[in-house]
Amino acid sequence: MSESEWISSAADRLARLHGCRFGGKANGRYRIAAKLIRQLAGRRRLYEEDVRDLARALFERGYVLIDLDSFFVVMSANAFVNYRRANDDMLK
């Protein structure tokens, strides 16, 4: 499987998981172990550029991939729309 094929395939699967019922919830954000991402990718290791490319592919599908070292979080990009905004006055 080529670089772009595994990234696209993995992004599609991760995006579909967002809509699946598991963990006591009907759908929504979830965490997934780095080991499972490597397994999904068919790789022994994931490099920075692999994670960056996967995050970009997920973002194109409307999701955000957050790397937390031993696991990843997948959330809808829309979840961030209603966050309160800090402005320059707040930083003074």
N, C-alpha and C. Protein backbone atom coordinates (compact mmCIF):
# COMPACT_ATOMS: atom_id res chain seq x y z
N MET A 1 0.85 -1.18 0.00
CA MET A 1 0.00 0.00 0.00
C MET A 1 0.89 1.24 0.00
N SER A 2 0.58 2.18 -0.86
CA SER A 2 1.39 3.38 -0.96
C SER A 2 1.12 4.33 0.19
N GLU A 3 1.97 5.35 0.31
CA GLU A 3 1.82 6.35 1.39
C GLU A 3 0.43 6.96 1.41
N SER A 4 0.02 7.50 0.28
CA SER A 4 -1.27 8.19 0.26
C SER A 4 -2.44 7.23 0.46
N GLU A 5 -2.28 5.97 0.03
CA GLU A 5 -3.37 5.00 0.20
C GLU A 5 -3.61 4.66 1.67
N TRP A 6 -2.53 4.40 2.42
CA TRP A 6 -2.75 4.04 3.82
C TRP A 6 -3.27 5.22 4.62
N ILE A 7 -2.81 6.41 4.28
CA ILE A 7 -3.27 7.60 5.00
C ILE A 7 -4.75 7.84 4.73
N SER A 8 -5.15 7.75 3.48
CA SER A 8 -6.55 7.95 3.12
C SER A 8 -7.43 6.87 3.73
N SER A 9 -7.00 5.64 3.67
CA SER A 9 -7.75 4.53 4.24
C SER A 9 -7.88 4.66 5.76
N ALA A 10 -6.79 4.99 6.42
CA ALA A 10 -6.81 5.15 7.88
C ALA A 10 -7.69 6.33 8.27
N ALA A 11 -7.60 7.43 7.54
CA ALA A 11 -8.43 8.61 7.85
C ALA A 11 -9.91 8.28 7.69
N ASP A 12 -10.25 7.53 6.65
CA ASP A 12 -11.64 7.13 6.44
C ASP A 12 -12.15 6.27 7.60
N ARG A 13 -11.35 5.31 8.02
CA ARG A 13 -11.75 4.42 9.12
C ARG A 13 -11.89 5.18 10.43
N LEU A 14 -10.94 6.07 10.72
CA LEU A 14 -11.00 6.86 11.94
C LEU A 14 -12.20 7.80 11.94
N ALA A 15 -12.51 8.38 10.79
CA ALA A 15 -13.67 9.27 10.68
C ALA A 15 -14.96 8.48 10.89
N ARG A 16 -15.04 7.29 10.33
CA ARG A 16 -16.24 6.46 10.50
C ARG A 16 -16.44 6.07 11.97
N LEU A 17 -15.34 5.82 12.68
CA LEU A 17 -15.44 5.45 14.10
C LEU A 17 -16.14 6.54 14.91
N HIS A 18 -15.97 7.79 14.51
CA HIS A 18 -16.57 8.91 15.22
C HIS A 18 -18.09 8.76 15.27
N GLY A 19 -18.68 8.15 14.26
CA GLY A 19 -20.12 7.98 14.20
C GLY A 19 -20.63 6.66 14.76
N CYS A 20 -19.73 5.82 15.25
CA CYS A 20 -20.11 4.50 15.77
C CYS A 20 -20.42 4.52 17.26
N ARG A 21 -21.29 3.61 17.65
CA ARG A 21 -21.63 3.43 19.06
C ARG A 21 -20.59 2.52 19.70
N PHE A 22 -19.93 3.01 20.74
CA PHE A 22 -19.04 2.19 21.57
C PHE A 22 -18.68 2.99 22.81
N GLY A 23 -18.16 2.29 23.81
CA GLY A 23 -17.76 2.96 25.05
C GLY A 23 -18.91 3.62 25.80
N GLY A 24 -20.13 3.12 25.59
CA GLY A 24 -21.28 3.68 26.28
C GLY A 24 -21.85 4.94 25.65
N LYS A 25 -21.35 5.34 24.51
CA LYS A 25 -21.84 6.56 23.84
C LYS A 25 -22.31 6.21 22.42
N ALA A 26 -23.28 6.95 21.95
CA ALA A 26 -23.82 6.71 20.60
C ALA A 26 -22.83 7.09 19.51
N ASN A 27 -22.07 8.15 19.76
CA ASN A 27 -21.05 8.61 18.80
C ASN A 27 -20.24 9.72 19.46
N GLY A 28 -19.30 10.26 18.71
CA GLY A 28 -18.54 11.39 19.23
C GLY A 28 -17.06 11.11 19.42
N ARG A 29 -16.42 12.01 20.12
CA ARG A 29 -14.96 11.96 20.29
C ARG A 29 -14.55 10.65 20.95
N TYR A 30 -13.33 10.26 20.64
CA TYR A 30 -12.80 9.03 21.23
C TYR A 30 -11.29 9.08 21.25
N ARG A 31 -10.72 8.19 22.04
CA ARG A 31 -9.26 8.04 22.07
C ARG A 31 -8.93 6.67 21.51
N ILE A 32 -7.76 6.59 20.90
CA ILE A 32 -7.31 5.34 20.30
C ILE A 32 -5.81 5.20 20.56
N ALA A 33 -5.41 4.02 20.96
CA ALA A 33 -4.00 3.78 21.30
C ALA A 33 -3.12 3.93 20.06
N ALA A 34 -1.92 4.44 20.27
CA ALA A 34 -0.94 4.58 19.18
C ALA A 34 -0.69 3.23 18.53
N LYS A 35 -0.70 2.18 19.33
CA LYS A 35 -0.49 0.83 18.81
C LYS A 35 -1.56 0.48 17.76
N LEU A 36 -2.80 0.86 18.01
CA LEU A 36 -3.87 0.58 17.06
C LEU A 36 -3.75 1.42 15.79
N ILE A 37 -3.25 2.63 15.92
CA ILE A 37 -3.01 3.46 14.73
C ILE A 37 -1.91 2.82 13.88
N ARG A 38 -0.85 2.35 14.53
CA ARG A 38 0.22 1.65 13.77
C ARG A 38 -0.33 0.41 13.09
N GLN A 39 -1.16 -0.32 13.79
CA GLN A 39 -1.78 -1.52 13.23
C GLN A 39 -2.66 -1.16 12.04
N LEU A 40 -3.45 -0.12 12.18
CA LEU A 40 -4.32 0.35 11.11
C LEU A 40 -3.50 0.76 9.88
N ALA A 41 -2.35 1.36 10.14
CA ALA A 41 -1.47 1.82 9.06
C ALA A 41 -0.64 0.68 8.47
N GLY A 42 -0.57 -0.45 9.19
CA GLY A 42 0.25 -1.55 8.72
C GLY A 42 1.74 -1.25 8.85
N ARG A 43 2.10 -0.54 9.92
CA ARG A 43 3.48 -0.11 10.13
C ARG A 43 3.95 -0.44 11.53
N ARG A 44 5.26 -0.61 11.65
CA ARG A 44 5.85 -0.85 12.97
C ARG A 44 6.07 0.44 13.72
N ARG A 45 6.27 1.52 12.97
CA ARG A 45 6.51 2.84 13.57
C ARG A 45 5.74 3.90 12.80
N LEU A 46 5.35 4.94 13.51
CA LEU A 46 4.78 6.13 12.88
C LEU A 46 5.74 7.27 13.12
N TYR A 47 6.06 7.96 12.07
CA TYR A 47 6.97 9.09 12.16
C TYR A 47 6.17 10.39 12.19
N GLU A 48 6.83 11.46 12.57
CA GLU A 48 6.17 12.76 12.66
C GLU A 48 5.39 13.11 11.41
N GLU A 49 6.01 12.89 10.27
CA GLU A 49 5.34 13.24 9.01
C GLU A 49 4.13 12.33 8.74
N ASP A 50 4.17 11.09 9.22
CA ASP A 50 3.01 10.19 9.10
C ASP A 50 1.84 10.74 9.90
N VAL A 51 2.10 11.13 11.13
CA VAL A 51 1.05 11.67 11.99
C VAL A 51 0.53 12.98 11.41
N ARG A 52 1.43 13.82 10.93
CA ARG A 52 1.02 15.10 10.34
C ARG A 52 0.13 14.86 9.12
N ASP A 53 0.51 13.93 8.26
CA ASP A 53 -0.28 13.64 7.06
C ASP A 53 -1.64 13.04 7.41
N LEU A 54 -1.66 12.16 8.41
CA LEU A 54 -2.92 11.58 8.86
C LEU A 54 -3.81 12.65 9.47
N ALA A 55 -3.24 13.54 10.27
CA ALA A 55 -4.01 14.64 10.86
C ALA A 55 -4.59 15.54 9.77
N ARG A 56 -3.80 15.81 8.74
CA ARG A 56 -4.27 16.65 7.64
C ARG A 56 -5.42 15.97 6.89
N ALA A 57 -5.30 14.68 6.65
CA ALA A 57 -6.35 13.94 5.95
C ALA A 57 -7.64 13.92 6.78
N LEU A 58 -7.50 13.74 8.09
CA LEU A 58 -8.68 13.76 8.95
C LEU A 58 -9.31 15.15 8.98
N PHE A 59 -8.46 16.18 9.01
CA PHE A 59 -8.98 17.55 9.03
C PHE A 59 -9.79 17.84 7.77
N GLU A 60 -9.35 17.31 6.64
CA GLU A 60 -10.08 17.47 5.37
C GLU A 60 -11.45 16.80 5.45
N ARG A 61 -11.59 15.83 6.33
CA ARG A 61 -12.86 15.12 6.52
C ARG A 61 -13.69 15.72 7.65
N GLY A 62 -13.17 16.79 8.29
CA GLY A 62 -13.92 17.48 9.32
C GLY A 62 -13.60 17.04 10.74
N TYR A 63 -12.44 16.38 10.93
CA TYR A 63 -12.05 15.89 12.25
C TYR A 63 -10.65 16.37 12.61
N VAL A 64 -10.39 16.41 13.90
CA VAL A 64 -9.09 16.82 14.41
C VAL A 64 -8.44 15.62 15.09
N LEU A 65 -7.17 15.38 14.77
CA LEU A 65 -6.39 14.32 15.41
C LEU A 65 -5.42 14.98 16.37
N ILE A 66 -5.50 14.60 17.63
CA ILE A 66 -4.64 15.17 18.66
C ILE A 66 -3.71 14.08 19.16
N ASP A 67 -2.42 14.31 19.03
CA ASP A 67 -1.40 13.34 19.44
C ASP A 67 -1.04 13.58 20.90
N LEU A 68 -1.32 12.59 21.74
CA LEU A 68 -1.01 12.69 23.16
C LEU A 68 0.02 11.62 23.57
N ASP A 69 0.99 11.40 22.70
CA ASP A 69 2.10 10.46 22.88
C ASP A 69 1.70 9.00 22.85
N SER A 70 1.06 8.48 23.89
CA SER A 70 0.75 7.05 23.90
C SER A 70 -0.62 6.75 23.28
N PHE A 71 -1.41 7.79 23.05
CA PHE A 71 -2.69 7.61 22.37
C PHE A 71 -3.04 8.87 21.60
N PHE A 72 -4.06 8.75 20.76
CA PHE A 72 -4.55 9.86 19.96
C PHE A 72 -6.01 10.10 20.31
N VAL A 73 -6.47 11.33 20.12
CA VAL A 73 -7.87 11.68 20.30
C VAL A 73 -8.38 12.16 18.95
N VAL A 74 -9.58 11.70 18.59
CA VAL A 74 -10.23 12.16 17.37
C VAL A 74 -11.51 12.88 17.79
N MET A 75 -11.63 14.13 17.33
CA MET A 75 -12.79 14.96 17.64
C MET A 75 -13.29 15.63 16.37
N SER A 76 -14.53 16.00 16.39
CA SER A 76 -15.09 16.79 15.29
C SER A 76 -14.48 18.19 15.34
N ALA A 77 -14.13 18.71 14.19
CA ALA A 77 -13.59 20.07 14.13
C ALA A 77 -14.64 21.08 14.60
N ASN A 78 -15.91 20.75 14.45
CA ASN A 78 -16.98 21.65 14.89
C ASN A 78 -17.02 21.81 16.40
N ALA A 79 -16.44 20.88 17.13
CA ALA A 79 -16.42 20.97 18.59
C ALA A 79 -15.68 22.21 19.07
N PHE A 80 -14.80 22.73 18.26
CA PHE A 80 -13.98 23.87 18.66
C PHE A 80 -14.62 25.23 18.34
N VAL A 81 -15.68 25.22 17.57
CA VAL A 81 -16.30 26.47 17.12
C VAL A 81 -16.84 27.30 18.26
N ASN A 82 -17.41 26.67 19.27
CA ASN A 82 -18.06 27.40 20.35
C ASN A 82 -17.14 27.71 21.54
N TYR A 83 -15.86 27.40 21.42
CA TYR A 83 -14.94 27.73 22.50
C TYR A 83 -14.83 29.24 22.63
N ARG A 84 -14.67 29.71 23.83
CA ARG A 84 -14.51 31.15 24.02
C ARG A 84 -13.16 31.60 23.46
N ARG A 85 -13.13 32.81 23.00
CA ARG A 85 -11.93 33.33 22.33
C ARG A 85 -11.13 34.23 23.25
N ALA A 86 -9.83 34.01 23.23
CA ALA A 86 -8.93 34.93 23.92
C ALA A 86 -8.52 36.00 22.91
N ASN A 87 -8.46 37.25 23.34
CA ASN A 87 -8.03 38.31 22.46
C ASN A 87 -6.75 38.96 23.00
N ASP A 88 -6.24 39.92 22.29
CA ASP A 88 -4.98 40.54 22.71
C ASP A 88 -5.09 41.27 24.04
N ASP A 89 -6.27 41.78 24.39
CA ASP A 89 -6.45 42.41 25.70
C ASP A 89 -6.27 41.41 26.85
N MET A 90 -6.62 40.16 26.61
CA MET A 90 -6.48 39.13 27.62
C MET A 90 -5.01 38.81 27.91
N LEU A 91 -4.17 39.06 26.94
CA LEU A 91 -2.74 38.74 27.09
C LEU A 91 -1.93 39.87 27.72
N LYS A 92 -2.54 41.01 27.93
CA LYS A 92 -1.83 42.16 28.51
C LYS A 92 -1.76 42.06 30.00
